[in-house]
Amino acid sequence: MKYYIFGTMLLALNGANGQAPSDMDLPYEKELVNNNLLFRNRRGLKVEMFLGNNHKERFKSIKIRPNKCYRIPSIKSARFQNGKPGKGWMVFCNSDDCGGKCLTESRKTWRGPKNIEKYIGGAANSMIWLYSRK
């Protein structure tokens, strides 16, 4: 009886998973904001995301790794490492795959964009931190 119930549960789970839409077909599925828990203890760049201009309406704070494209919710401003300058370049793009129209700035002087819409004609939907140790 136990095996019959367990087997029925497995079949039900497989059926539900088989019909649900999946992000697994996307080339950047490992870098979704929701999967950020995997990299919690690693070094990275802290990014605070805001739904409004001028760092208003704080949405979420995540830690990102260098040279990886991250899909993000539509944000209008961001701040890096609590406003401290750093190394590398930050890129914010209006498409989900770090393409389309983008805003790029050096982290040496840039602490975070205050009005992304002004530069790319809309909210940012993806970002990447370009960094090399050389």
Protein backbone atom coordinates (compact mmCIF):
# COMPACT_ATOMS: atom_id res chain seq x y z
CA MET A 1 0.00 0.00 0.00
CA LYS A 2 2.86 2.39 0.84
CA TYR A 3 4.52 1.83 -2.53
CA TYR A 4 1.29 2.40 -4.41
CA ILE A 5 0.70 5.78 -2.72
CA PHE A 6 4.34 6.81 -3.13
CA GLY A 7 4.30 5.82 -6.80
CA THR A 8 1.08 7.74 -7.37
CA MET A 9 2.62 10.82 -5.77
CA LEU A 10 5.67 10.56 -8.03
CA LEU A 11 3.50 10.26 -11.11
CA ALA A 12 1.49 13.28 -10.03
CA LEU A 13 4.66 15.31 -9.46
CA ASN A 14 6.12 14.31 -12.81
CA GLY A 15 2.90 15.25 -14.57
CA ALA A 16 2.79 18.64 -12.86
CA ASN A 17 6.43 19.36 -13.66
CA GLY A 18 6.07 18.27 -17.24
CA GLN A 19 3.36 20.83 -17.96
CA ALA A 20 4.75 23.76 -16.01
CA PRO A 21 6.68 26.39 -17.96
CA SER A 22 10.36 26.30 -17.19
CA ASP A 23 13.24 28.74 -17.38
CA MET A 24 15.65 25.87 -18.02
CA ASP A 25 15.71 26.62 -21.74
CA LEU A 26 17.23 30.04 -21.12
CA PRO A 27 21.05 30.25 -21.33
CA TYR A 28 21.27 32.37 -18.18
CA GLU A 29 18.97 30.37 -15.90
CA LYS A 30 21.67 29.86 -13.26
CA GLU A 31 21.96 33.59 -12.67
CA LEU A 32 18.36 34.41 -11.80
CA VAL A 33 17.87 36.69 -8.81
CA ASN A 34 15.91 33.93 -7.03
CA ASN A 35 18.92 31.59 -7.20
CA ASN A 36 21.12 34.11 -5.40
CA LEU A 37 21.04 31.94 -2.24
CA LEU A 38 23.58 29.62 -3.88
CA PHE A 39 26.22 32.35 -3.77
CA ARG A 40 25.42 33.85 -0.37
CA ASN A 41 28.78 33.05 1.24
CA ARG A 42 30.99 33.86 -1.75
CA ARG A 43 32.66 37.17 -2.42
CA GLY A 44 30.80 39.42 -4.75
CA LEU A 45 29.36 42.85 -5.31
CA LYS A 46 26.36 43.94 -3.27
CA VAL A 47 23.74 45.63 -5.44
CA GLU A 48 20.74 47.41 -3.95
CA MET A 49 17.89 47.68 -6.47
CA PHE A 50 15.22 50.38 -6.41
CA LEU A 51 11.90 50.57 -8.26
CA GLY A 52 11.96 54.39 -8.27
CA ASN A 53 14.46 57.02 -9.44
CA ASN A 54 17.03 58.54 -7.05
CA HIS A 55 17.26 55.38 -4.92
CA LYS A 56 13.63 55.43 -3.79
CA GLU A 57 11.31 52.45 -3.25
CA ARG A 58 13.98 49.91 -2.27
CA PHE A 59 13.14 46.54 -3.79
CA LYS A 60 15.87 44.06 -2.98
CA SER A 61 19.56 43.69 -2.26
CA ILE A 62 21.58 40.90 -3.90
CA LYS A 63 25.20 39.86 -4.18
CA ILE A 64 26.40 39.27 -7.73
CA ARG A 65 29.47 37.55 -9.13
CA PRO A 66 31.66 39.09 -11.84
CA ASN A 67 31.13 38.48 -15.57
CA LYS A 68 27.68 36.89 -15.20
CA CYS A 69 24.47 38.25 -16.69
CA TYR A 70 21.64 38.58 -14.17
CA ARG A 71 17.97 38.98 -15.04
CA ILE A 72 16.43 41.48 -12.66
CA PRO A 73 12.97 42.95 -12.16
CA SER A 74 12.41 46.28 -13.91
CA ILE A 75 14.41 48.74 -11.81
CA LYS A 76 15.03 52.45 -12.26
CA SER A 77 18.01 52.99 -9.95
CA ALA A 78 20.67 51.01 -8.09
CA ARG A 79 23.51 51.42 -5.59
CA PHE A 80 26.71 49.35 -5.29
CA GLN A 81 28.48 48.34 -2.04
CA ASN A 82 26.59 50.96 0.00
CA GLY A 83 27.79 53.75 -2.31
CA LYS A 84 31.52 52.94 -2.21
CA PRO A 85 33.65 53.06 -5.38
CA GLY A 86 35.20 49.84 -6.63
CA LYS A 87 36.74 47.95 -9.53
CA GLY A 88 35.38 46.90 -12.88
CA TRP A 89 32.50 48.15 -15.00
CA MET A 90 28.75 47.92 -14.45
CA VAL A 91 26.34 47.42 -17.34
CA PHE A 92 22.54 47.79 -17.13
CA CYS A 93 20.46 46.76 -20.17
CA ASN A 94 16.80 47.00 -21.12
CA SER A 95 16.56 43.39 -22.39
CA ASP A 96 16.58 40.20 -20.29
CA ASP A 97 19.87 38.85 -21.69
CA CYS A 98 22.29 41.78 -21.18
CA GLY A 99 21.65 42.99 -24.71
CA GLY A 100 19.67 45.77 -26.30
CA LYS A 101 20.27 49.33 -25.20
CA CYS A 102 22.71 49.46 -22.27
CA LEU A 103 24.22 51.90 -19.80
CA THR A 104 27.91 51.27 -18.97
CA GLU A 105 30.06 53.04 -16.38
CA SER A 106 33.29 52.42 -14.46
CA ARG A 107 32.95 51.57 -10.77
CA LYS A 108 35.98 53.77 -9.96
CA THR A 109 33.76 56.81 -9.78
CA TRP A 110 30.22 55.49 -10.25
CA ARG A 111 28.38 54.51 -7.09
CA GLY A 112 25.17 53.57 -8.89
CA PRO A 113 22.72 54.94 -11.43
CA LYS A 114 20.04 57.27 -10.11
CA ASN A 115 17.91 57.40 -13.28
CA ILE A 116 18.38 54.42 -15.61
CA GLU A 117 15.34 55.36 -17.72
CA LYS A 118 17.05 58.57 -18.83
CA TYR A 119 19.90 56.65 -20.50
CA ILE A 120 18.34 53.47 -21.91
CA GLY A 121 14.80 54.66 -22.54
CA GLY A 122 13.18 52.45 -19.92
CA ALA A 123 13.82 50.37 -16.83
CA ALA A 124 16.74 47.93 -16.63
CA ASN A 125 15.89 44.22 -16.92
CA SER A 126 19.41 42.76 -16.77
CA MET A 127 22.85 43.66 -15.44
CA ILE A 128 26.42 42.43 -15.52
CA TRP A 129 29.52 43.35 -13.51
CA LEU A 130 32.53 43.21 -15.84
CA TYR A 131 35.65 42.57 -13.77
CA SER A 132 39.11 41.13 -14.32
CA ARG A 133 41.80 40.67 -11.66
CA LYS A 134 44.61 41.61 -14.06
